[in-house]
Amino acid sequence: MKDAFPSPDRPSSSLVIGLSLILMALIGLFEYARPVQVSIFVLYLVPLLLVATHAGIWVGIILSVLSAAPGFVGDVTWAIPVVIP
């Protein structure tokens, strides 16, 4: 729930969302350039937790869906076969 009187030392939601999007883009670029055997999906938790705590759970859910896109694009461009056990 958002406060009626936000604290002046707490960053605004739009600033946190913007910084998280930039951080997710950098992680996505790193994931695209990484070797296929190295998994870095845990790094996406940092911007997602920041957004979920500052901007709300629904914004966190939306960004979690968006954070799956770079991994998918990286796997498709590297032609990783999907193996279902």
N, C-alpha and C. Protein backbone atom coordinates (compact mmCIF):
# COMPACT_ATOMS: atom_id res chain seq x y z
N MET A 1 0.84 -1.16 0.00
CA MET A 1 0.00 0.00 0.00
C MET A 1 0.89 1.23 0.00
N LYS A 2 0.55 2.20 -0.82
CA LYS A 2 1.35 3.41 -0.91
C LYS A 2 1.02 4.35 0.24
N ASP A 3 2.04 5.04 0.70
CA ASP A 3 1.85 5.99 1.79
C ASP A 3 1.24 7.28 1.27
N ALA A 4 0.43 7.92 2.11
CA ALA A 4 -0.15 9.21 1.74
C ALA A 4 0.93 10.28 1.73
N PHE A 5 1.92 10.15 2.60
CA PHE A 5 3.01 11.10 2.68
C PHE A 5 4.33 10.34 2.56
N PRO A 6 4.84 10.21 1.32
CA PRO A 6 6.07 9.43 1.16
C PRO A 6 7.26 10.11 1.83
N SER A 7 8.18 9.31 2.28
CA SER A 7 9.38 9.81 2.94
C SER A 7 10.28 10.50 1.92
N PRO A 8 10.88 11.64 2.29
CA PRO A 8 11.74 12.33 1.32
C PRO A 8 13.02 11.58 1.00
N ASP A 9 13.46 10.70 1.87
CA ASP A 9 14.69 9.96 1.60
C ASP A 9 14.46 8.68 0.81
N ARG A 10 13.22 8.33 0.55
CA ARG A 10 12.90 7.14 -0.25
C ARG A 10 12.80 7.55 -1.72
N PRO A 11 13.47 6.81 -2.63
CA PRO A 11 13.40 7.18 -4.05
C PRO A 11 12.00 6.97 -4.62
N SER A 12 11.69 7.74 -5.65
CA SER A 12 10.37 7.63 -6.26
C SER A 12 10.25 6.31 -7.02
N SER A 13 9.01 5.88 -7.21
CA SER A 13 8.76 4.62 -7.90
C SER A 13 9.24 4.68 -9.34
N SER A 14 9.04 5.81 -10.00
CA SER A 14 9.46 5.91 -11.40
C SER A 14 10.98 5.84 -11.52
N LEU A 15 11.71 6.39 -10.57
CA LEU A 15 13.17 6.29 -10.59
C LEU A 15 13.62 4.84 -10.41
N VAL A 16 13.00 4.15 -9.48
CA VAL A 16 13.36 2.75 -9.22
C VAL A 16 13.02 1.88 -10.43
N ILE A 17 11.86 2.13 -11.05
CA ILE A 17 11.48 1.36 -12.24
C ILE A 17 12.46 1.62 -13.38
N GLY A 18 12.81 2.88 -13.60
CA GLY A 18 13.76 3.22 -14.66
C GLY A 18 15.13 2.58 -14.45
N LEU A 19 15.64 2.68 -13.23
CA LEU A 19 16.94 2.07 -12.94
C LEU A 19 16.88 0.55 -13.05
N SER A 20 15.78 -0.03 -12.66
CA SER A 20 15.64 -1.49 -12.77
C SER A 20 15.57 -1.93 -14.22
N LEU A 21 14.90 -1.15 -15.06
CA LEU A 21 14.86 -1.48 -16.49
C LEU A 21 16.25 -1.40 -17.11
N ILE A 22 17.02 -0.37 -16.73
CA ILE A 22 18.38 -0.25 -17.24
C ILE A 22 19.23 -1.42 -16.76
N LEU A 23 19.10 -1.77 -15.49
CA LEU A 23 19.85 -2.90 -14.94
C LEU A 23 19.46 -4.21 -15.62
N MET A 24 18.16 -4.39 -15.88
CA MET A 24 17.72 -5.60 -16.58
C MET A 24 18.24 -5.65 -18.01
N ALA A 25 18.32 -4.48 -18.67
CA ALA A 25 18.87 -4.45 -20.02
C ALA A 25 20.35 -4.81 -20.02
N LEU A 26 21.09 -4.31 -19.04
CA LEU A 26 22.51 -4.66 -18.95
C LEU A 26 22.71 -6.15 -18.66
N ILE A 27 21.89 -6.70 -17.78
CA ILE A 27 21.97 -8.13 -17.50
C ILE A 27 21.60 -8.92 -18.76
N GLY A 28 20.61 -8.44 -19.51
CA GLY A 28 20.23 -9.11 -20.76
C GLY A 28 21.35 -9.09 -21.79
N LEU A 29 22.06 -7.96 -21.89
CA LEU A 29 23.20 -7.89 -22.81
C LEU A 29 24.31 -8.84 -22.37
N PHE A 30 24.55 -8.88 -21.08
CA PHE A 30 25.56 -9.79 -20.56
C PHE A 30 25.16 -11.24 -20.81
N GLU A 31 23.88 -11.53 -20.64
CA GLU A 31 23.40 -12.89 -20.87
C GLU A 31 23.51 -13.27 -22.35
N TYR A 32 23.28 -12.30 -23.23
CA TYR A 32 23.39 -12.57 -24.67
C TYR A 32 24.85 -12.86 -25.05
N ALA A 33 25.79 -12.16 -24.40
CA ALA A 33 27.20 -12.30 -24.76
C ALA A 33 27.91 -13.43 -24.01
N ARG A 34 27.25 -14.04 -23.06
CA ARG A 34 27.89 -15.06 -22.24
C ARG A 34 28.00 -16.38 -22.99
N PRO A 35 28.89 -17.25 -22.51
CA PRO A 35 28.88 -18.61 -23.05
C PRO A 35 27.58 -19.31 -22.68
N VAL A 36 27.19 -20.24 -23.49
CA VAL A 36 25.90 -20.91 -23.33
C VAL A 36 25.83 -21.69 -22.01
N GLN A 37 26.94 -22.21 -21.55
CA GLN A 37 26.92 -23.07 -20.37
C GLN A 37 26.77 -22.29 -19.06
N VAL A 38 26.91 -20.97 -19.10
CA VAL A 38 26.85 -20.17 -17.88
C VAL A 38 25.44 -19.61 -17.72
N SER A 39 24.81 -19.91 -16.59
CA SER A 39 23.46 -19.43 -16.32
C SER A 39 23.52 -18.28 -15.31
N ILE A 40 22.90 -17.16 -15.66
CA ILE A 40 22.94 -15.99 -14.77
C ILE A 40 21.54 -15.50 -14.43
N PHE A 41 20.55 -16.36 -14.49
CA PHE A 41 19.18 -15.93 -14.26
C PHE A 41 18.96 -15.37 -12.86
N VAL A 42 19.79 -15.74 -11.91
CA VAL A 42 19.64 -15.26 -10.54
C VAL A 42 19.87 -13.75 -10.45
N LEU A 43 20.67 -13.19 -11.36
CA LEU A 43 20.93 -11.76 -11.34
C LEU A 43 19.68 -10.93 -11.59
N TYR A 44 18.69 -11.49 -12.24
CA TYR A 44 17.44 -10.76 -12.49
C TYR A 44 16.65 -10.51 -11.20
N LEU A 45 16.96 -11.23 -10.14
CA LEU A 45 16.23 -11.04 -8.89
C LEU A 45 16.49 -9.68 -8.26
N VAL A 46 17.68 -9.12 -8.46
CA VAL A 46 18.01 -7.83 -7.85
C VAL A 46 17.08 -6.72 -8.33
N PRO A 47 16.95 -6.46 -9.64
CA PRO A 47 16.02 -5.41 -10.05
C PRO A 47 14.56 -5.75 -9.76
N LEU A 48 14.21 -7.03 -9.82
CA LEU A 48 12.83 -7.41 -9.53
C LEU A 48 12.46 -7.17 -8.07
N LEU A 49 13.36 -7.47 -7.17
CA LEU A 49 13.09 -7.21 -5.75
C LEU A 49 13.02 -5.71 -5.46
N LEU A 50 13.89 -4.94 -6.11
CA LEU A 50 13.83 -3.48 -5.93
C LEU A 50 12.49 -2.92 -6.38
N VAL A 51 12.03 -3.35 -7.55
CA VAL A 51 10.77 -2.84 -8.08
C VAL A 51 9.60 -3.32 -7.23
N ALA A 52 9.60 -4.57 -6.84
CA ALA A 52 8.48 -5.09 -6.06
C ALA A 52 8.36 -4.41 -4.70
N THR A 53 9.49 -4.04 -4.10
CA THR A 53 9.42 -3.39 -2.80
C THR A 53 9.10 -1.91 -2.89
N HIS A 54 9.52 -1.25 -3.97
CA HIS A 54 9.30 0.20 -4.08
C HIS A 54 8.06 0.57 -4.88
N ALA A 55 7.76 -0.16 -5.94
CA ALA A 55 6.67 0.25 -6.83
C ALA A 55 5.42 -0.62 -6.69
N GLY A 56 5.53 -1.76 -6.07
CA GLY A 56 4.36 -2.60 -5.88
C GLY A 56 4.51 -3.95 -6.55
N ILE A 57 3.68 -4.86 -6.12
CA ILE A 57 3.78 -6.25 -6.58
C ILE A 57 3.40 -6.40 -8.05
N TRP A 58 2.41 -5.63 -8.52
CA TRP A 58 1.98 -5.78 -9.91
C TRP A 58 3.04 -5.30 -10.88
N VAL A 59 3.73 -4.24 -10.54
CA VAL A 59 4.84 -3.78 -11.38
C VAL A 59 5.95 -4.82 -11.36
N GLY A 60 6.19 -5.43 -10.21
CA GLY A 60 7.18 -6.50 -10.12
C GLY A 60 6.82 -7.70 -10.97
N ILE A 61 5.53 -8.04 -11.01
CA ILE A 61 5.09 -9.16 -11.84
C ILE A 61 5.28 -8.84 -13.32
N ILE A 62 4.95 -7.63 -13.72
CA ILE A 62 5.12 -7.23 -15.12
C ILE A 62 6.60 -7.27 -15.51
N LEU A 63 7.46 -6.75 -14.65
CA LEU A 63 8.88 -6.77 -14.96
C LEU A 63 9.47 -8.18 -14.90
N SER A 64 8.89 -9.06 -14.12
CA SER A 64 9.38 -10.44 -14.11
C SER A 64 9.08 -11.13 -15.43
N VAL A 65 7.93 -10.81 -16.02
CA VAL A 65 7.62 -11.35 -17.35
C VAL A 65 8.59 -10.77 -18.37
N LEU A 66 8.86 -9.47 -18.26
CA LEU A 66 9.80 -8.84 -19.19
C LEU A 66 11.22 -9.37 -19.01
N SER A 67 11.58 -9.77 -17.81
CA SER A 67 12.93 -10.27 -17.59
C SER A 67 13.14 -11.65 -18.19
N ALA A 68 12.08 -12.35 -18.49
CA ALA A 68 12.21 -13.65 -19.15
C ALA A 68 12.54 -13.50 -20.63
N ALA A 69 12.24 -12.35 -21.21
CA ALA A 69 12.44 -12.14 -22.64
C ALA A 69 13.91 -12.21 -23.06
N PRO A 70 14.86 -11.54 -22.38
CA PRO A 70 16.26 -11.64 -22.84
C PRO A 70 16.81 -13.06 -22.81
N GLY A 71 16.44 -13.84 -21.80
CA GLY A 71 16.89 -15.23 -21.76
C GLY A 71 16.33 -16.04 -22.90
N PHE A 72 15.07 -15.80 -23.23
CA PHE A 72 14.44 -16.49 -24.35
C PHE A 72 15.11 -16.11 -25.66
N VAL A 73 15.34 -14.82 -25.86
CA VAL A 73 15.98 -14.35 -27.09
C VAL A 73 17.40 -14.91 -27.20
N GLY A 74 18.11 -14.92 -26.08
CA GLY A 74 19.46 -15.48 -26.10
C GLY A 74 19.47 -16.95 -26.45
N ASP A 75 18.53 -17.70 -25.90
CA ASP A 75 18.46 -19.13 -26.20
C ASP A 75 18.06 -19.38 -27.65
N VAL A 76 17.16 -18.56 -28.18
CA VAL A 76 16.73 -18.73 -29.57
C VAL A 76 17.86 -18.37 -30.53
N THR A 77 18.58 -17.29 -30.25
CA THR A 77 19.66 -16.89 -31.16
C THR A 77 20.83 -17.86 -31.11
N TRP A 78 21.05 -18.51 -29.97
CA TRP A 78 22.10 -19.50 -29.88
C TRP A 78 21.61 -20.88 -30.30
N ALA A 79 20.33 -21.01 -30.63
CA ALA A 79 19.71 -22.27 -31.09
C ALA A 79 19.89 -23.38 -30.06
N ILE A 80 19.50 -23.08 -28.83
CA ILE A 80 19.59 -24.07 -27.76
C ILE A 80 18.39 -25.00 -27.86
N PRO A 81 18.62 -26.30 -28.00
CA PRO A 81 17.47 -27.21 -28.03
C PRO A 81 16.84 -27.34 -26.65
N VAL A 82 15.54 -27.40 -26.62
CA VAL A 82 14.82 -27.56 -25.36
C VAL A 82 14.63 -29.05 -25.12
N VAL A 83 15.13 -29.52 -23.98
CA VAL A 83 15.02 -30.92 -23.63
C VAL A 83 14.06 -31.03 -22.45
N ILE A 84 12.98 -31.75 -22.65
CA ILE A 84 12.00 -31.96 -21.60
C ILE A 84 12.18 -33.38 -21.08
N PRO A 85 12.53 -33.51 -19.79
CA PRO A 85 12.78 -34.86 -19.26
C PRO A 85 11.52 -35.66 -19.13
